[in-house]
Amino acid sequence: MNHSENVDQDAVLRARTMLLGSGGLSVEQEIDAYRVLAEVSPLTYMPKLSKALVSFGYAPEFRDRPDIQLALHTEAAAAARRIGAQEPKRTELLIDALTPYQRLLYTAGRRTEGFAICEEMAEAGRQGFERGQVPSPVYGHGRLAAVLAEDGRHREAAEICGRIVRAARSEEPSDVSFWTAVEWAAELDAAGLHDAALDAFADMVDACRRKLDAGSTSPAILTWELVRHSQMLDAAGRRAGAGAARKEALGLLAELGETGERKSWSNILSWWTMLLGLSGRAEEPAASARTPAPPFGSTLWSGDTRQAYFEGLPALEEETARLTEAAATDPRRHLPGLIATHRRMTIRSALHRENRTHRILKPLRPVFDEGVALARRLDGLGVQEGRALLARALTDRSMFLLAAKQYGEAHDDFLVVTTLLD
């Protein structure tokens, strides 16, 4: 049966006339025309329809209408699926349509449906690579790794992340991004593959050293990486390696304190908050399909997971206040719990602030100062873990001060850390 037998030919003529007319069309008129013509000339108009629907779904007037956004992106995904396999840009168009579709499903709490779309994106990327439509066999796989991590399926996420890293190295060995590398190391660590995670993180640090030597990254970024690496090495019992990493970081902080950055950089706070969040993952509830958690190490958080994480801030603030009162009368008993809760609150506050503005010194400094004060109180009581908790609090504040470009103070704090630990 010919498509034309099911389509109003007058509507087809009107649609063609509208598109050929000299007057400007609204987006809605353009989409209406594509809807009609896609039925009679799918090879030509189905890609145009999908692209137009995706673009319209991002329109500012629908920013507060997720129902309209979801309807448009649902239709865009359906149109993209109907694009013929012979279309050279099919894979790109399909994943461009599925990406906002799954994002809206997750934001609406429809995680099962969203997960199926993420799997579809990965499969589309694999098939597109086999057809020669995209350059990488893991095209479209990144979001699947993130949602697997949110559901606590860290080994599966690590396997995908490893394939993404290997694909990036095969294309350009020296150009694996920080974001790609840190996500792989994070998922290996979360999966309990600690030695492999350390190796992956060491490779990332080595790459950052080379970039610093070439003038293509900041000493601050290498410092944050070295400090996080030292924490991982300490956790694995590799004290000598941890001490060496701290010594190198202290040297970079001394340089920054004396001469500042080697050149001007744009906002690099995301490097700091990414690694700060990772350092606190062990204190957060474990992720599972029933209780999803942020994929620390990834930038691709689901909307519902992000919302729940930051909506937990007031509860942590209340618990911190309660434990503060309790610790006033029985510090030896309640200070450890207060320090743990305060740090969770601090990390969430830092991540929330970085998502909103680069102005962090004034609003966040009191929070980091309080963390150090609490740890000093505990250490003053002679509690066994007091020294380690004080070193951690000073490390947190030092790296925050580095992010806020208070280089001298950052160096002073970290010098105390090295004295405490090394």
Protein backbone atom coordinates (compact mmCIF):
# COMPACT_ATOMS: atom_id res chain seq x y z
CA MET A 1 0.00 0.00 0.00
CA ASN A 2 1.35 3.41 -0.96
CA HIS A 3 1.66 6.06 1.76
CA SER A 4 -0.19 8.52 -0.43
CA GLU A 5 -3.37 6.39 -0.21
CA ASN A 6 -3.61 7.17 3.53
CA VAL A 7 -2.75 10.86 3.41
CA ASP A 8 -4.92 13.85 2.56
CA GLN A 9 -3.33 15.13 -0.65
CA ASP A 10 -4.68 18.61 -0.02
CA ALA A 11 -2.86 18.60 3.33
CA VAL A 12 0.33 17.51 1.57
CA LEU A 13 -0.01 20.33 -0.94
CA ARG A 14 -0.62 22.87 1.81
CA ALA A 15 2.39 21.62 3.75
CA ARG A 16 4.67 21.86 0.72
CA THR A 17 3.36 25.32 -0.09
CA MET A 18 3.96 26.49 3.49
CA LEU A 19 7.57 25.29 3.47
CA LEU A 20 8.24 26.81 0.05
CA GLY A 21 6.62 30.14 0.94
CA SER A 22 8.70 33.26 1.43
CA GLY A 23 7.06 34.17 4.73
CA GLY A 24 8.60 33.03 8.02
CA LEU A 25 6.94 30.07 9.70
CA SER A 26 6.53 29.57 13.39
CA VAL A 27 8.09 26.43 14.84
CA GLU A 28 4.63 24.92 15.35
CA GLN A 29 3.72 25.53 11.70
CA GLU A 30 6.99 24.02 10.55
CA ILE A 31 6.42 20.92 12.71
CA ASP A 32 2.84 20.56 11.43
CA ALA A 33 4.14 20.61 7.88
CA TYR A 34 6.82 18.05 8.64
CA ARG A 35 4.27 15.75 10.29
CA VAL A 36 2.27 15.63 7.09
CA LEU A 37 5.20 15.31 4.71
CA ALA A 38 6.99 12.70 6.81
CA GLU A 39 4.17 10.29 6.01
CA VAL A 40 4.64 10.59 2.24
CA SER A 41 8.39 11.29 2.10
CA PRO A 42 9.85 9.77 5.28
CA LEU A 43 13.38 9.62 3.92
CA THR A 44 13.46 13.39 3.53
CA TYR A 45 11.16 14.66 6.26
CA MET A 46 11.38 12.23 9.19
CA PRO A 47 14.85 13.53 10.17
CA LYS A 48 13.59 17.12 9.84
CA LEU A 49 10.56 16.32 12.02
CA SER A 50 12.65 14.71 14.74
CA LYS A 51 15.14 17.60 14.86
CA ALA A 52 12.39 20.22 14.95
CA LEU A 53 10.55 18.44 17.79
CA VAL A 54 13.74 18.12 19.84
CA SER A 55 14.50 21.80 19.36
CA PHE A 56 10.94 22.83 20.23
CA GLY A 57 11.06 20.71 23.39
CA TYR A 58 13.85 22.96 24.67
CA ALA A 59 11.84 26.16 24.05
CA PRO A 60 11.97 28.60 27.01
CA GLU A 61 8.17 28.83 27.19
CA PHE A 62 8.00 25.15 28.18
CA ARG A 63 10.65 25.35 30.89
CA ASP A 64 7.98 25.00 33.59
CA ARG A 65 5.74 22.64 31.60
CA PRO A 66 7.36 19.19 31.83
CA ASP A 67 4.15 17.62 30.49
CA ILE A 68 4.50 19.49 27.19
CA GLN A 69 8.24 18.86 27.06
CA LEU A 70 7.72 15.14 27.59
CA ALA A 71 5.03 14.97 24.89
CA LEU A 72 7.28 16.71 22.36
CA HIS A 73 10.31 14.56 23.15
CA THR A 74 8.23 11.40 23.10
CA GLU A 75 7.09 12.29 19.60
CA ALA A 76 10.64 13.21 18.60
CA ALA A 77 11.91 9.81 19.75
CA ALA A 78 9.15 8.03 17.83
CA ALA A 79 10.02 9.98 14.68
CA ALA A 80 13.74 9.29 15.08
CA ARG A 81 13.11 5.57 15.42
CA ARG A 82 11.37 5.65 12.02
CA ILE A 83 14.37 7.18 10.25
CA GLY A 84 15.71 4.66 7.76
CA ALA A 85 18.92 2.79 8.54
CA GLN A 86 20.43 4.13 5.31
CA GLU A 87 20.28 7.73 6.60
CA PRO A 88 23.94 8.61 7.44
CA LYS A 89 22.95 10.66 10.48
CA ARG A 90 20.37 8.22 11.82
CA THR A 91 22.37 7.23 14.92
CA GLU A 92 23.18 10.80 15.83
CA LEU A 93 19.58 11.93 15.31
CA LEU A 94 18.17 9.00 17.29
CA ILE A 95 20.43 9.55 20.29
CA ASP A 96 19.85 13.31 20.13
CA ALA A 97 16.13 12.55 20.43
CA LEU A 98 16.41 9.85 23.09
CA THR A 99 18.71 11.87 25.38
CA PRO A 100 16.18 14.50 26.50
CA TYR A 101 13.41 11.88 26.44
CA GLN A 102 15.10 9.69 29.04
CA ARG A 103 16.12 12.75 31.06
CA LEU A 104 12.50 13.82 31.41
CA LEU A 105 11.41 10.30 32.30
CA TYR A 106 13.95 10.18 35.12
CA THR A 107 12.98 13.64 36.34
CA ALA A 108 9.37 12.43 36.49
CA GLY A 109 10.45 9.41 38.56
CA ARG A 110 9.74 6.94 35.74
CA ARG A 111 13.08 5.22 36.19
CA THR A 112 12.18 1.85 34.66
CA GLU A 113 11.10 3.50 31.42
CA GLY A 114 14.09 5.83 31.50
CA PHE A 115 16.48 2.92 31.97
CA ALA A 116 15.04 1.16 28.93
CA ILE A 117 15.70 4.28 26.86
CA CYS A 118 19.31 4.42 28.13
CA GLU A 119 19.77 0.81 27.02
CA GLU A 120 18.25 1.72 23.66
CA MET A 121 20.73 4.60 23.30
CA ALA A 122 23.67 2.28 23.94
CA GLU A 123 22.39 -0.30 21.45
CA ALA A 124 21.76 2.41 18.86
CA GLY A 125 25.33 3.60 19.29
CA ARG A 126 26.70 0.09 18.86
CA GLN A 127 24.69 -0.50 15.70
CA GLY A 128 25.56 2.95 14.38
CA PHE A 129 29.25 2.21 14.77
CA GLU A 130 28.85 -1.06 12.86
CA ARG A 131 27.17 0.88 10.03
CA GLY A 132 29.93 3.48 10.01
CA GLN A 133 27.58 6.26 11.13
CA VAL A 134 29.45 7.21 14.32
CA PRO A 135 33.18 7.08 15.14
CA SER A 136 33.09 5.13 18.40
CA PRO A 137 31.69 1.72 19.44
CA VAL A 138 30.57 3.26 22.75
CA TYR A 139 28.73 6.22 21.25
CA GLY A 140 25.64 6.82 23.38
CA HIS A 141 26.82 4.59 26.26
CA GLY A 142 27.71 7.26 28.82
CA ARG A 143 24.25 7.76 30.25
CA LEU A 144 23.74 4.01 30.71
CA ALA A 145 26.90 3.85 32.84
CA ALA A 146 25.61 6.67 35.04
CA VAL A 147 22.17 5.16 35.66
CA LEU A 148 23.69 1.75 36.39
CA ALA A 149 25.81 3.48 39.04
CA GLU A 150 22.73 5.18 40.46
CA ASP A 151 21.15 1.74 40.91
CA GLY A 152 24.25 0.36 42.63
CA ARG A 153 25.31 -1.79 39.65
CA HIS A 154 28.88 -0.56 39.84
CA ARG A 155 30.65 -3.46 38.14
CA GLU A 156 28.47 -3.08 35.06
CA ALA A 157 29.00 0.68 35.11
CA ALA A 158 32.77 0.18 35.48
CA GLU A 159 32.83 -2.20 32.51
CA ILE A 160 31.12 0.39 30.29
CA CYS A 161 33.36 3.19 31.59
CA GLY A 162 36.42 1.08 30.86
CA ARG A 163 35.27 0.55 27.28
CA ILE A 164 34.72 4.30 26.93
CA VAL A 165 38.26 5.00 28.20
CA ARG A 166 39.79 2.39 25.88
CA ALA A 167 37.86 3.77 22.92
CA ALA A 168 39.08 7.29 23.73
CA ARG A 169 42.66 6.06 23.98
CA SER A 170 42.42 4.28 20.65
CA GLU A 171 41.24 7.50 18.99
CA GLU A 172 43.72 9.81 20.75
CA PRO A 173 45.96 8.16 23.39
CA SER A 174 46.93 11.44 25.05
CA ASP A 175 43.45 12.95 25.18
CA VAL A 176 41.31 10.98 27.66
CA SER A 177 39.41 13.68 29.51
CA PHE A 178 39.39 14.09 33.28
CA TRP A 179 35.64 13.40 33.32
CA THR A 180 35.99 10.12 31.42
CA ALA A 181 38.93 8.94 33.51
CA VAL A 182 37.57 9.91 36.91
CA GLU A 183 34.23 8.19 36.28
CA TRP A 184 36.01 4.92 35.44
CA ALA A 185 38.20 5.09 38.55
CA ALA A 186 35.16 5.96 40.68
CA GLU A 187 33.11 3.02 39.44
CA LEU A 188 36.01 0.59 39.83
CA ASP A 189 36.42 1.77 43.40
CA ALA A 190 32.68 1.53 44.12
CA ALA A 191 32.68 -2.00 42.71
CA GLY A 192 35.37 -3.03 45.19
CA LEU A 193 38.07 -3.26 42.52
CA HIS A 194 40.38 -1.03 44.52
CA ASP A 195 43.71 -1.95 42.93
CA ALA A 196 42.29 -1.38 39.46
CA ALA A 197 40.80 1.92 40.65
CA LEU A 198 44.17 3.04 41.99
CA ASP A 199 45.85 2.17 38.69
CA ALA A 200 43.19 4.09 36.72
CA PHE A 201 43.51 7.09 39.00
CA ALA A 202 47.31 7.00 38.77
CA ASP A 203 47.05 7.09 34.99
CA MET A 204 44.78 10.13 35.28
CA VAL A 205 47.26 11.90 37.56
CA ASP A 206 50.12 11.11 35.16
CA ALA A 207 48.09 12.56 32.29
CA CYS A 208 47.41 15.69 34.32
CA ARG A 209 51.14 16.11 35.03
CA ARG A 210 51.83 15.99 31.30
CA LYS A 211 49.12 18.55 30.66
CA LEU A 212 50.55 20.82 33.32
CA ASP A 213 54.01 20.56 31.77
CA ALA A 214 52.45 21.46 28.41
CA GLY A 215 50.63 24.43 29.94
CA SER A 216 47.19 23.04 29.21
CA THR A 217 45.87 22.63 32.75
CA SER A 218 46.03 24.32 36.15
CA PRO A 219 48.30 23.41 39.09
CA ALA A 220 45.13 23.54 41.19
CA ILE A 221 43.58 20.67 39.21
CA LEU A 222 46.68 18.51 39.61
CA THR A 223 46.69 19.33 43.34
CA TRP A 224 43.08 18.20 43.76
CA GLU A 225 43.86 14.98 41.87
CA LEU A 226 46.97 14.28 43.94
CA VAL A 227 45.12 14.82 47.20
CA ARG A 228 42.27 12.51 46.20
CA HIS A 229 44.83 9.93 45.06
CA SER A 230 46.58 10.16 48.43
CA GLN A 231 43.27 9.45 50.19
CA MET A 232 42.72 6.37 48.04
CA LEU A 233 46.28 5.18 48.69
CA ASP A 234 45.85 5.67 52.43
CA ALA A 235 42.63 3.62 52.34
CA ALA A 236 44.54 0.83 50.57
CA GLY A 237 47.30 0.90 53.17
CA ARG A 238 49.88 2.30 50.73
CA ARG A 239 51.23 4.92 53.10
CA ALA A 240 54.47 5.63 51.24
CA GLY A 241 52.64 6.38 48.00
CA ALA A 242 50.10 8.52 49.84
CA GLY A 243 52.86 10.51 51.49
CA ALA A 244 54.60 11.08 48.16
CA ALA A 245 51.37 12.36 46.60
CA ARG A 246 50.82 14.74 49.50
CA LYS A 247 54.39 16.01 49.24
CA GLU A 248 53.90 16.76 45.54
CA ALA A 249 50.60 18.51 46.26
CA LEU A 250 52.25 20.59 48.98
CA GLY A 251 54.92 21.70 46.51
CA LEU A 252 52.25 22.86 44.06
CA LEU A 253 50.45 24.75 46.83
CA ALA A 254 53.73 26.44 47.76
CA GLU A 255 54.18 27.52 44.13
CA LEU A 256 50.65 28.88 43.96
CA GLY A 257 51.16 30.72 47.24
CA GLU A 258 54.29 32.41 45.92
CA THR A 259 53.40 33.16 42.29
CA GLY A 260 49.72 32.32 41.77
CA GLU A 261 48.43 30.51 38.69
CA ARG A 262 50.80 30.22 35.74
CA LYS A 263 48.08 31.70 33.53
CA SER A 264 44.45 32.70 33.79
CA TRP A 265 41.77 29.99 33.77
CA SER A 266 38.02 30.07 33.53
CA ASN A 267 35.84 28.55 36.28
CA ILE A 268 37.41 25.22 37.34
CA LEU A 269 35.32 24.61 40.45
CA SER A 270 33.76 21.47 38.96
CA TRP A 271 37.07 19.61 39.24
CA TRP A 272 37.15 20.37 42.98
CA THR A 273 33.54 19.47 43.72
CA MET A 274 33.73 16.27 41.67
CA LEU A 275 36.62 14.96 43.78
CA LEU A 276 35.17 16.33 47.03
CA GLY A 277 31.94 14.45 46.38
CA LEU A 278 33.89 11.28 45.64
CA SER A 279 35.79 11.59 48.91
CA GLY A 280 32.50 11.50 50.83
CA ARG A 281 30.75 8.71 48.92
CA ALA A 282 31.52 6.07 51.57
CA GLU A 283 29.54 8.06 54.18
CA GLU A 284 26.42 8.20 51.97
CA PRO A 285 23.79 5.43 51.84
CA ALA A 286 24.67 2.70 49.33
CA ALA A 287 22.91 2.92 45.98
CA SER A 288 20.37 0.32 44.90
CA ALA A 289 17.47 0.04 42.47
CA ARG A 290 15.04 0.74 45.33
CA THR A 291 17.09 3.60 46.76
CA PRO A 292 19.08 5.15 43.90
CA ALA A 293 21.96 7.48 44.77
CA PRO A 294 24.00 10.01 42.81
CA PRO A 295 26.64 8.52 40.51
CA PHE A 296 29.58 10.21 42.23
CA GLY A 297 32.30 10.57 39.63
CA SER A 298 29.86 11.27 36.81
CA THR A 299 28.36 14.53 35.60
CA LEU A 300 25.24 12.76 34.29
CA TRP A 301 23.03 12.68 37.39
CA SER A 302 19.35 11.91 36.87
CA GLY A 303 16.92 14.68 37.71
CA ASP A 304 15.12 12.74 40.44
CA THR A 305 18.38 11.63 42.05
CA ARG A 306 19.80 15.15 41.98
CA GLN A 307 16.63 16.58 43.48
CA ALA A 308 16.53 14.04 46.30
CA TYR A 309 20.22 14.58 47.11
CA PHE A 310 19.92 18.33 47.51
CA GLU A 311 16.51 18.16 49.17
CA GLY A 312 18.26 16.15 51.89
CA LEU A 313 20.25 19.21 52.95
CA PRO A 314 17.68 20.60 55.45
CA ALA A 315 17.45 17.23 57.22
CA LEU A 316 21.23 17.10 57.54
CA GLU A 317 21.26 20.65 58.90
CA GLU A 318 18.65 19.70 61.51
CA GLU A 319 20.58 16.57 62.49
CA THR A 320 23.76 18.64 62.76
CA ALA A 321 22.01 21.08 65.09
CA ARG A 322 20.66 18.24 67.24
CA LEU A 323 24.06 16.57 67.52
CA THR A 324 25.69 19.92 68.29
CA GLU A 325 23.48 20.23 71.38
CA ALA A 326 24.19 16.64 72.39
CA ALA A 327 27.94 17.07 71.93
CA ALA A 328 27.91 20.10 74.21
CA THR A 329 27.09 17.85 77.16
CA ASP A 330 28.75 14.58 76.09
CA PRO A 331 31.40 15.38 73.47
CA ARG A 332 33.24 12.08 73.60
CA ARG A 333 30.06 10.21 72.71
CA HIS A 334 28.48 12.56 70.18
CA LEU A 335 31.33 14.39 68.45
CA PRO A 336 32.20 11.55 66.02
CA GLY A 337 28.60 11.40 64.78
CA LEU A 338 28.41 15.18 64.60
CA ILE A 339 31.61 15.34 62.54
CA ALA A 340 30.31 12.71 60.09
CA THR A 341 26.94 14.42 59.67
CA HIS A 342 28.50 17.87 59.39
CA ARG A 343 30.82 16.64 56.63
CA ARG A 344 27.94 15.18 54.63
CA MET A 345 26.18 18.52 54.96
CA THR A 346 29.35 20.37 53.94
CA ILE A 347 29.86 18.32 50.79
CA ARG A 348 26.25 18.74 49.69
CA SER A 349 26.43 22.47 50.39
CA ALA A 350 29.59 22.77 48.28
CA LEU A 351 28.11 20.82 45.36
CA HIS A 352 24.89 22.80 45.54
CA ARG A 353 26.72 26.13 45.63
CA GLU A 354 29.03 25.20 42.73
CA ASN A 355 25.97 24.37 40.62
CA ARG A 356 24.62 27.88 41.21
CA THR A 357 27.57 30.28 41.25
CA HIS A 358 31.35 30.53 41.30
CA ARG A 359 31.20 32.77 44.39
CA ILE A 360 32.01 30.29 47.15
CA LEU A 361 34.37 31.88 49.69
CA LYS A 362 31.96 33.88 51.81
CA PRO A 363 29.03 31.41 51.99
CA LEU A 364 31.06 28.22 52.39
CA ARG A 365 34.02 29.26 54.53
CA PRO A 366 32.10 29.11 57.86
CA VAL A 367 31.01 25.55 57.07
CA PHE A 368 34.56 24.33 56.41
CA ASP A 369 35.89 26.29 59.42
CA GLU A 370 33.33 24.58 61.65
CA GLY A 371 34.41 21.17 60.36
CA VAL A 372 38.00 21.90 61.40
CA ALA A 373 36.88 23.23 64.79
CA LEU A 374 34.85 20.09 65.51
CA ALA A 375 37.73 17.81 64.55
CA ARG A 376 40.12 19.80 66.76
CA ARG A 377 37.75 19.37 69.71
CA LEU A 378 37.70 15.62 69.19
CA ASP A 379 41.45 15.41 68.76
CA GLY A 380 41.87 17.43 71.96
CA LEU A 381 39.95 14.75 73.86
CA GLY A 382 42.59 12.18 72.92
CA VAL A 383 40.11 10.05 70.96
CA GLN A 384 41.93 7.53 68.78
CA GLU A 385 40.46 8.65 65.45
CA GLY A 386 40.79 12.34 66.31
CA ARG A 387 44.05 12.93 64.44
CA ALA A 388 42.82 11.28 61.23
CA LEU A 389 39.55 13.24 61.34
CA LEU A 390 41.43 16.48 61.95
CA ALA A 391 43.69 15.76 58.97
CA ARG A 392 40.62 15.08 56.82
CA ALA A 393 38.88 18.28 57.91
CA LEU A 394 42.01 20.33 57.24
CA THR A 395 42.37 18.66 53.85
CA ASP A 396 38.77 19.54 52.99
CA ARG A 397 39.31 23.16 54.01
CA SER A 398 42.64 23.40 52.22
CA MET A 399 41.17 22.17 48.95
CA PHE A 400 38.20 24.53 49.39
CA LEU A 401 40.57 27.46 49.98
CA LEU A 402 42.49 26.43 46.86
CA ALA A 403 39.21 26.53 44.91
CA ALA A 404 38.55 29.99 46.36
CA LYS A 405 42.08 31.09 45.31
CA GLN A 406 43.25 31.63 48.89
CA TYR A 407 46.55 29.96 48.08
CA GLY A 408 48.59 30.90 51.14
CA GLU A 409 45.96 29.68 53.59
CA ALA A 410 45.44 26.52 51.55
CA HIS A 411 49.17 25.79 51.80
CA ASP A 412 49.23 26.44 55.55
CA ASP A 413 46.36 24.02 56.18
CA PHE A 414 47.88 21.31 54.03
CA LEU A 415 51.27 21.72 55.67
CA VAL A 416 49.58 20.76 58.96
CA VAL A 417 47.98 17.77 57.21
CA THR A 418 51.34 16.46 56.11
CA THR A 419 52.67 16.90 59.64
CA LEU A 420 49.74 14.95 61.08
CA LEU A 421 49.86 12.10 58.57
CA ASP A 422 53.44 11.82 57.35
